[in-house]
Protein backbone atom coordinates (compact mmCIF):
# COMPACT_ATOMS: atom_id res chain seq x y z
CA MET A 1 0.00 0.00 0.00
CA GLY A 2 1.03 3.61 -0.45
CA GLN A 3 2.60 5.95 2.06
CA PRO A 4 0.65 8.57 3.99
CA GLY A 5 1.30 12.05 2.67
CA GLU A 6 3.79 14.31 4.36
CA PRO A 7 2.10 16.28 7.12
CA ALA A 8 1.19 19.89 6.46
CA HIS A 9 1.74 22.24 9.36
CA SER A 10 -0.06 25.36 10.46
CA SER A 11 0.37 27.51 13.53
CA ALA A 12 -1.98 29.60 15.60
CA ASN A 13 -1.76 31.23 19.04
CA ARG A 14 -4.43 31.33 21.67
CA ALA A 15 -5.94 34.76 22.13
CA GLY A 16 -3.81 37.02 24.25
CA GLY A 17 -0.40 36.71 25.80
CA GLY A 18 1.46 35.60 22.68
CA ALA A 19 2.40 32.27 24.27
CA ALA A 20 2.96 29.31 21.99
CA SER A 21 -0.25 27.43 21.35
CA PRO A 22 -0.80 23.81 22.40
CA ARG A 23 -0.41 21.16 19.72
CA ALA A 24 -2.90 18.99 17.83
CA PHE A 25 -2.57 16.06 15.45
CA PHE A 26 -5.15 15.73 12.66
CA LEU A 27 -5.35 12.46 10.70
CA SER A 28 -7.70 12.44 7.72
CA PRO A 29 -8.15 10.05 4.77
CA GLU A 30 -9.56 12.96 2.73
CA GLY A 31 -8.13 16.39 2.04
CA ALA A 32 -9.52 19.02 4.42
CA THR A 33 -10.41 21.33 1.52
CA PRO A 34 -13.78 22.99 0.82
CA GLY A 35 -15.17 22.14 -2.59
CA CYS A 36 -13.85 18.54 -2.75
CA GLY A 37 -16.92 16.70 -1.46
CA GLY A 38 -18.93 16.39 1.73
CA GLY A 39 -16.25 14.56 3.71
CA SER A 40 -13.66 17.17 2.84
CA LEU A 41 -16.08 19.97 3.76
CA ARG A 42 -16.58 18.53 7.24
CA SER A 43 -12.87 17.93 7.70
CA ALA A 44 -12.10 21.48 6.54
CA CYS A 45 -14.47 22.92 9.17
CA LEU A 46 -12.86 20.93 11.99
CA ALA A 47 -9.30 21.57 10.77
CA GLU A 48 -9.90 25.33 10.61
CA TYR A 49 -11.26 25.31 14.16
CA LEU A 50 -8.18 23.45 15.40
CA ARG A 51 -5.82 25.84 13.60
CA ARG A 52 -7.36 28.75 15.51
CA LYS A 53 -6.45 27.14 18.85
CA TYR A 54 -3.53 24.80 18.24
CA THR A 55 -0.39 24.27 16.23
CA VAL A 56 -1.62 21.47 14.00
CA ASP A 57 0.25 18.57 12.42
CA VAL A 58 -1.85 17.20 9.55
CA ALA A 59 -1.33 13.69 8.19
CA GLY A 60 -3.10 12.19 5.20
CA PHE A 61 -2.81 9.22 2.86
CA GLU A 62 -1.43 8.68 -0.60
CA LEU A 63 -3.16 5.50 -1.67
CA PRO A 64 -1.88 3.50 -4.62
CA PRO A 65 -4.24 3.55 -7.61
CA HIS A 66 -6.47 0.57 -8.12
CA SER A 67 -8.70 -0.39 -11.00
CA LYS A 68 -12.33 0.72 -10.97
CA ALA A 69 -13.25 -1.81 -13.64
CA THR A 70 -16.24 -3.95 -12.69
CA GLY A 71 -14.26 -7.19 -12.64
CA ALA A 72 -11.53 -5.74 -10.42
CA ARG A 73 -14.10 -4.36 -7.99
CA ILE A 74 -15.92 -7.68 -7.78
CA TRP A 75 -12.65 -9.49 -7.09
CA ARG A 76 -11.50 -7.04 -4.38
CA ASN A 77 -14.81 -6.88 -2.61
CA GLY A 78 -15.35 -10.62 -2.92
CA LEU A 79 -12.13 -11.16 -0.97
CA ARG A 80 -13.25 -8.59 1.58
CA LEU A 81 -16.57 -10.38 1.97
CA LEU A 82 -14.81 -13.64 2.67
CA ARG A 83 -12.62 -11.96 5.29
CA GLY A 84 -15.50 -9.91 6.79
CA ARG A 85 -13.49 -6.73 6.14
CA PRO A 86 -15.47 -3.66 4.96
CA PRO A 87 -13.96 -1.99 1.86
CA LEU A 88 -12.89 1.39 3.26
CA PHE A 89 -11.66 -0.05 6.54
CA ASP A 90 -9.56 -2.42 4.49
CA ARG A 91 -8.40 0.23 2.01
CA TYR A 92 -7.03 2.50 4.77
CA SER A 93 -5.39 -0.19 6.88
CA GLY A 94 -1.70 -1.02 7.21
CA PHE A 95 -0.15 2.44 7.68
CA GLU A 96 0.80 2.21 11.37
CA ASP A 97 4.56 2.55 10.90
CA GLN A 98 4.30 5.42 8.48
CA ILE A 99 1.88 7.38 10.69
CA ALA A 100 4.04 6.77 13.76
CA ALA A 101 6.96 8.30 11.85
CA GLN A 102 4.96 11.53 11.45
CA ILE A 103 4.21 11.98 15.15
CA ARG A 104 6.29 14.79 16.65
CA GLY A 105 6.15 14.64 20.42
CA ARG A 106 3.14 15.10 22.67
CA TYR A 107 -0.26 16.51 21.60
CA THR A 108 -2.98 18.12 23.64
CA VAL A 109 -5.50 16.61 21.24
CA ALA A 110 -5.36 14.06 18.41
CA VAL A 111 -8.28 13.80 16.00
CA ILE A 112 -8.97 10.88 13.68
CA GLU A 113 -11.38 11.55 10.84
CA HIS A 114 -13.77 8.76 9.76
CA PHE A 115 -14.38 5.38 11.36
CA TRP A 116 -12.34 3.83 8.54
CA CYS A 117 -9.23 5.08 10.37
CA ALA A 118 -10.31 4.25 13.94
CA ALA A 119 -7.68 1.51 14.25
CA TYR A 120 -4.95 4.17 14.34
CA ALA A 121 -6.09 4.90 17.90
CA GLU A 122 -3.41 2.42 18.97
CA VAL A 123 -0.71 4.51 17.31
CA LEU A 124 -1.87 7.88 18.63
CA ARG A 125 -3.08 6.91 22.13
CA PRO A 126 0.37 7.12 23.81
CA HIS A 127 0.97 10.60 22.35
CA ALA A 128 -2.32 12.42 23.04
CA ASP A 129 -3.97 13.82 26.16
CA LEU A 130 -7.37 13.74 24.40
CA LEU A 131 -8.09 11.24 21.62
CA VAL A 132 -11.03 12.17 19.38
CA LEU A 133 -12.88 10.24 16.65
CA ASP A 134 -14.96 12.30 14.22
CA LEU A 135 -17.69 10.10 12.73
CA HIS A 136 -18.88 11.48 9.39
CA ASN A 137 -21.31 8.54 9.25
CA ILE A 138 -22.25 5.58 11.37
CA GLU A 139 -20.81 3.07 8.92
CA SER A 140 -22.80 0.10 10.25
CA GLU A 141 -26.05 2.05 9.78
CA LEU A 142 -24.98 3.22 6.33
CA ALA A 143 -24.25 -0.33 5.20
CA TRP A 144 -27.43 -1.74 6.76
CA SER A 145 -29.69 0.90 5.21
CA HIS A 146 -28.07 0.34 1.80
CA ALA A 147 -28.66 -3.41 2.14
CA ASN A 148 -32.34 -2.67 2.73
CA ALA A 149 -32.51 -0.35 -0.27
CA THR A 150 -31.00 -2.83 -2.74
CA ARG A 151 -31.57 -6.40 -3.83
CA GLY A 152 -29.75 -9.59 -4.66
CA LEU A 153 -26.00 -9.94 -4.23
CA GLU A 154 -25.51 -6.24 -3.50
CA SER A 155 -27.95 -6.43 -0.60
CA LEU A 156 -26.35 -9.59 0.75
CA ALA A 157 -22.87 -8.04 0.55
CA PHE A 158 -23.89 -4.91 2.44
CA ARG A 159 -25.62 -6.97 5.14
CA ARG A 160 -22.34 -8.78 5.72
CA PHE A 161 -20.41 -5.51 5.75
CA ALA A 162 -22.93 -4.02 8.20
CA ALA A 163 -22.37 -6.95 10.56
CA ALA A 164 -18.59 -6.50 10.21
CA TYR A 165 -18.89 -2.81 11.04
CA ARG A 166 -20.92 -3.62 14.15
CA ARG A 167 -18.12 -5.88 15.35
CA LEU A 168 -15.60 -3.14 14.60
CA ASP A 169 -17.73 -0.65 16.56
CA GLN A 170 -17.28 -2.86 19.61
CA ASP A 171 -13.53 -3.11 19.02
CA TRP A 172 -12.72 0.56 18.51
CA LEU A 173 -15.30 3.11 19.66
CA ARG A 174 -14.57 2.71 23.37
CA ARG A 175 -10.89 3.53 22.84
CA PHE A 176 -11.61 7.22 22.23
CA ASP A 177 -12.07 9.89 24.90
CA LEU A 178 -14.50 11.86 22.77
CA ILE A 179 -16.64 10.89 19.78
CA LEU A 180 -18.12 13.54 17.49
CA ALA A 181 -21.33 12.68 15.61
CA VAL A 182 -23.07 14.78 12.98
CA SER A 183 -26.55 14.64 14.50
CA ALA A 184 -28.50 13.68 17.59
CA GLU A 185 -29.73 10.60 15.72
CA ASP A 186 -26.18 9.40 15.04
CA ALA A 187 -25.11 10.21 18.60
CA ARG A 188 -27.90 7.94 19.88
CA ARG A 189 -26.73 5.18 17.55
CA VAL A 190 -23.23 5.34 19.01
CA LYS A 191 -24.53 5.27 22.57
CA ASN A 192 -26.83 2.35 21.75
CA ALA A 193 -23.95 0.46 20.14
CA VAL A 194 -21.34 0.83 22.87
CA ASN A 195 -22.77 3.07 25.62
CA HIS A 196 -19.90 5.51 25.19
CA PRO A 197 -19.82 8.14 27.97
CA ASN A 198 -18.79 11.12 25.82
CA VAL A 199 -20.54 11.46 22.45
CA GLN A 200 -21.13 15.03 21.31
CA VAL A 201 -22.98 16.43 18.29
CA PHE A 202 -20.81 18.43 15.88
CA PRO A 203 -23.05 19.27 12.91
CA ASN A 204 -22.02 19.35 9.29
CA ALA A 205 -21.68 22.96 8.20
CA LEU A 206 -20.59 25.26 5.39
CA PRO A 207 -18.75 28.56 5.46
CA GLU A 208 -21.17 31.48 5.38
CA ILE A 209 -21.91 31.88 1.68
CA PRO A 210 -23.62 34.94 0.18
CA ARG A 211 -26.82 34.09 -1.62
CA PRO A 212 -25.98 33.73 -5.32
CA ASP A 213 -27.61 36.20 -7.67
CA VAL A 214 -28.32 34.03 -10.71
CA ALA A 215 -31.30 33.53 -12.98
CA GLU A 216 -33.55 30.54 -12.41
CA THR A 217 -33.59 27.99 -15.22
CA ASN A 218 -36.23 25.37 -16.02
CA SER A 219 -34.34 22.57 -14.30
CA MET A 220 -34.10 20.44 -11.19
CA VAL A 221 -30.77 19.22 -9.83
CA PHE A 222 -29.33 16.23 -8.03
CA SER A 223 -25.82 16.83 -6.66
CA GLY A 224 -23.13 14.78 -4.98
CA ASN A 225 -20.29 12.36 -5.51
CA LEU A 226 -21.90 10.32 -8.28
CA GLU A 227 -19.97 7.12 -7.57
CA TYR A 228 -20.95 7.04 -3.86
CA HIS A 229 -23.19 3.99 -3.54
CA PRO A 230 -26.18 5.73 -1.85
CA ASN A 231 -26.10 8.34 -4.63
CA VAL A 232 -25.95 5.68 -7.34
CA GLU A 233 -28.93 3.90 -5.83
CA ALA A 234 -30.79 7.24 -5.52
CA VAL A 235 -30.26 7.96 -9.22
CA ARG A 236 -31.35 4.42 -10.15
CA TRP A 237 -34.54 4.65 -8.09
CA PHE A 238 -35.43 8.15 -9.24
CA ARG A 239 -34.76 7.37 -12.91
CA SER A 240 -36.89 4.23 -12.93
CA ARG A 241 -39.69 5.06 -10.45
CA VAL A 242 -40.06 8.86 -10.24
CA TRP A 243 -38.71 10.45 -13.40
CA PRO A 244 -41.34 8.92 -15.75
CA LEU A 245 -44.04 10.55 -13.62
CA VAL A 246 -42.21 13.90 -13.50
CA ARG A 247 -41.58 13.76 -17.24
CA GLU A 248 -45.31 13.51 -17.83
CA SER A 249 -46.47 16.12 -15.31
CA CYS A 250 -43.68 18.65 -16.03
CA PRO A 251 -43.17 18.27 -19.83
CA THR A 252 -40.42 20.89 -20.19
CA LEU A 253 -38.47 20.40 -16.92
CA GLU A 254 -34.86 19.23 -17.31
CA TRP A 255 -33.10 16.96 -14.79
CA GLN A 256 -29.43 17.84 -14.22
CA LEU A 257 -26.85 15.80 -12.32
CA ILE A 258 -23.74 17.54 -10.97
CA GLY A 259 -20.77 16.17 -9.07
CA ARG A 260 -17.61 14.15 -9.36
CA HIS A 261 -17.37 10.79 -11.16
CA PRO A 262 -20.34 11.19 -13.53
CA GLU A 263 -19.26 8.06 -15.39
CA ALA A 264 -20.63 5.99 -12.47
CA ILE A 265 -24.26 6.89 -13.22
CA ARG A 266 -24.23 7.72 -16.93
CA ARG A 267 -25.48 4.30 -17.98
CA LEU A 268 -28.49 4.74 -15.67
CA VAL A 269 -29.67 7.95 -17.36
CA ASP A 270 -28.52 7.65 -20.99
CA GLY A 271 -31.11 7.88 -23.74
CA ASP A 272 -33.23 10.77 -22.48
CA GLU A 273 -32.69 14.22 -23.98
CA ARG A 274 -34.17 15.89 -20.88
CA ILE A 275 -31.56 14.41 -18.53
CA ARG A 276 -28.23 16.24 -18.56
CA VAL A 277 -25.15 14.91 -16.79
CA ILE A 278 -23.02 17.97 -16.05
CA GLY A 279 -20.39 16.41 -13.79
CA PRO A 280 -18.07 18.47 -11.55
CA VAL A 281 -18.68 22.20 -11.25
CA GLU A 282 -16.48 24.93 -9.79
CA ASN A 283 -19.19 26.40 -7.53
CA ALA A 284 -21.88 23.94 -6.44
CA VAL A 285 -23.97 26.50 -4.56
CA GLU A 286 -24.09 28.85 -7.53
CA THR A 287 -25.05 26.00 -9.86
CA LEU A 288 -27.81 24.86 -7.48
CA ALA A 289 -29.11 28.43 -7.28
CA SER A 290 -29.91 28.35 -11.00
CA ALA A 291 -32.28 25.40 -10.60
CA LYS A 292 -35.95 25.53 -9.70
CA ILE A 293 -35.74 22.51 -7.40
CA CYS A 294 -33.06 20.41 -5.70
CA ILE A 295 -33.89 16.74 -5.25
CA VAL A 296 -32.53 14.29 -2.65
CA PRO A 297 -34.07 10.88 -3.48
CA LEU A 298 -31.78 8.94 -1.12
CA ARG A 299 -32.94 5.56 0.14
CA SER A 300 -29.91 4.77 2.28
CA GLY A 301 -27.34 6.71 4.27
CA SER A 302 -26.13 8.02 7.58
CA GLY A 303 -24.93 11.39 8.80
CA THR A 304 -26.47 14.50 7.24
CA ARG A 305 -26.43 15.63 3.64
CA PHE A 306 -24.25 18.49 2.43
CA LYS A 307 -26.33 18.52 -0.76
CA ILE A 308 -29.22 19.87 1.32
CA LEU A 309 -27.05 22.44 3.12
CA GLU A 310 -25.74 23.66 -0.24
CA ALA A 311 -29.29 23.88 -1.61
CA TRP A 312 -30.33 25.90 1.43
CA ALA A 313 -27.29 28.17 1.07
CA ALA A 314 -28.49 28.75 -2.50
CA ALA A 315 -32.04 29.44 -1.21
CA ARG A 316 -33.45 26.61 -3.33
CA ALA A 317 -36.50 24.50 -2.62
CA VAL A 318 -35.69 20.88 -1.71
CA VAL A 319 -37.66 17.66 -2.17
CA SER A 320 -36.16 14.80 -0.17
CA THR A 321 -36.91 11.37 1.18
CA SER A 322 -37.11 11.10 4.95
CA ILE A 323 -33.71 9.44 5.20
CA GLY A 324 -32.20 12.10 2.94
CA ALA A 325 -33.23 14.90 5.30
CA GLU A 326 -32.52 12.99 8.55
CA GLY A 327 -30.66 14.78 11.29
CA LEU A 328 -31.06 18.35 10.01
CA GLY A 329 -34.08 19.35 12.07
CA ALA A 330 -35.97 20.45 8.97
CA GLU A 331 -39.69 21.01 9.40
CA PRO A 332 -41.63 19.29 6.58
CA GLY A 333 -43.56 21.80 4.50
CA ARG A 334 -41.51 24.70 5.86
CA HIS A 335 -37.87 23.92 5.09
CA VAL A 336 -38.27 20.91 2.80
CA LEU A 337 -40.91 18.73 1.15
CA LEU A 338 -40.61 15.09 2.22
CA ALA A 339 -41.78 12.16 0.11
CA ASP A 340 -40.82 8.49 0.27
CA ARG A 341 -43.17 6.97 -2.33
CA PRO A 342 -42.47 7.57 -6.03
CA GLU A 343 -45.92 9.09 -6.63
CA ALA A 344 -45.58 11.50 -3.67
CA PHE A 345 -42.07 12.51 -4.74
CA ALA A 346 -43.26 13.28 -8.27
CA GLU A 347 -46.27 15.23 -6.94
CA ALA A 348 -44.01 17.34 -4.72
CA ILE A 349 -41.81 18.22 -7.71
CA ALA A 350 -44.86 19.06 -9.81
CA SER A 351 -46.29 21.36 -7.14
CA LEU A 352 -42.99 23.24 -6.79
CA ASN A 353 -42.59 23.46 -10.55
CA ALA A 354 -46.04 25.05 -10.83
CA GLU A 355 -45.82 27.42 -7.84
CA PRO A 356 -43.00 30.00 -7.83
CA ALA A 357 -44.20 31.43 -4.52
CA LEU A 358 -43.94 28.03 -2.82
CA ARG A 359 -40.42 27.55 -4.21
CA ALA A 360 -39.38 30.95 -2.92
CA ARG A 361 -40.89 30.37 0.51
CA LEU A 362 -39.19 27.01 0.99
CA GLY A 363 -35.89 28.33 -0.31
CA ALA A 364 -35.94 31.34 2.00
CA ALA A 365 -36.80 29.21 5.06
CA GLY A 366 -34.04 26.74 4.19
CA ARG A 367 -31.47 29.52 3.87
CA GLU A 368 -32.59 30.96 7.22
CA LEU A 369 -32.10 27.54 8.89
CA TYR A 370 -28.66 27.17 7.28
CA LEU A 371 -27.54 30.58 8.58
CA ASP A 372 -28.97 29.86 12.03
CA ARG A 373 -27.45 26.38 12.55
CA TYR A 374 -25.19 25.19 9.76
CA VAL A 375 -22.45 27.77 9.19
CA TRP A 376 -18.94 27.16 10.52
CA SER A 377 -19.19 29.64 13.38
CA LYS A 378 -22.27 27.81 14.78
CA ALA A 379 -20.66 24.38 14.38
CA TRP A 380 -17.55 25.62 16.20
CA GLN A 381 -19.71 26.47 19.22
CA ALA A 382 -20.49 22.75 19.49
CA LEU A 383 -16.77 21.98 19.52
CA GLU A 384 -16.22 24.52 22.30
CA ARG A 385 -18.97 22.88 24.34
CA ALA A 386 -17.35 19.48 23.72
CA GLY A 387 -14.13 20.74 25.30
CA LEU A 388 -11.94 20.87 22.18
């Protein structure tokens, strides 16, 4: 396997006095950079908070490339199934010596991003006064919900991975002094799994973004990492069960898909001139602001969805499944329209397409909720309360 990347360093002093700040270690499998996906957005928020209080050593991973061809994936994940080893936990394992070489003395706090990297608690424990695990998702719940949303071999595989993650929960969660969860729902799941004494909610959040001033187009948008398995299943379900109804009730509305790795879903949507796969965009919030409606037809998942936060930042109306909007405290009919059946989802889109005032009201309420709860400054208050 590849070597972790060289740590990047940043320095900050505590307010007043000019004394050297305490030190933190930040281990992340994703770059802590806004604009590179939901995981990176969350990591960027936490990393920036730490930089304001600590001198931070950042360590990442440089993974060797592996084939994304269907046959190669089946082979890799088949071996993982046999071993009961979930894919990402397996992909990010085996770097203990390299990470140990990047540790530079004693740290007031050490943060590990993602449950995939929880096993590095053993490496960091002797060097940290406070050891923190930041859970972007509850991986066992994510795998279990995806198993329930799919069929056949895919469902069976994710049931096995969910069981493996539950065993790993028991092995690793108790080893941390503090666990950060994205929502009250996920915090309860951790406590139910291992009865951990210190689980705190640190919500997903965005920097405070001015409302984009762009013209509305006759389109609805689905956004996200388009190879992420809950997003692939969402596109499959929407294309087969909801889109035919929308196509009939809204005869000029275009469906756009934006995000990285568009090749993963292209085969699911090819052959329809009113579906446009745009792929990555430079400014997701600005692109969302040009749409009439943002859709979140997720049928599996954990955590909370940055695609909804970005839609709210853009003041766009959102139609979501219940699981898609979980954990955000959105009031149905005020901040979002919720629909879990194909017919109800299509009807919600049709009503928003026909009623500009309803779109504007939902979009304005969503943006108000984003500014009130889901900007970085508000998320940082949760970290202060957690003792970081």
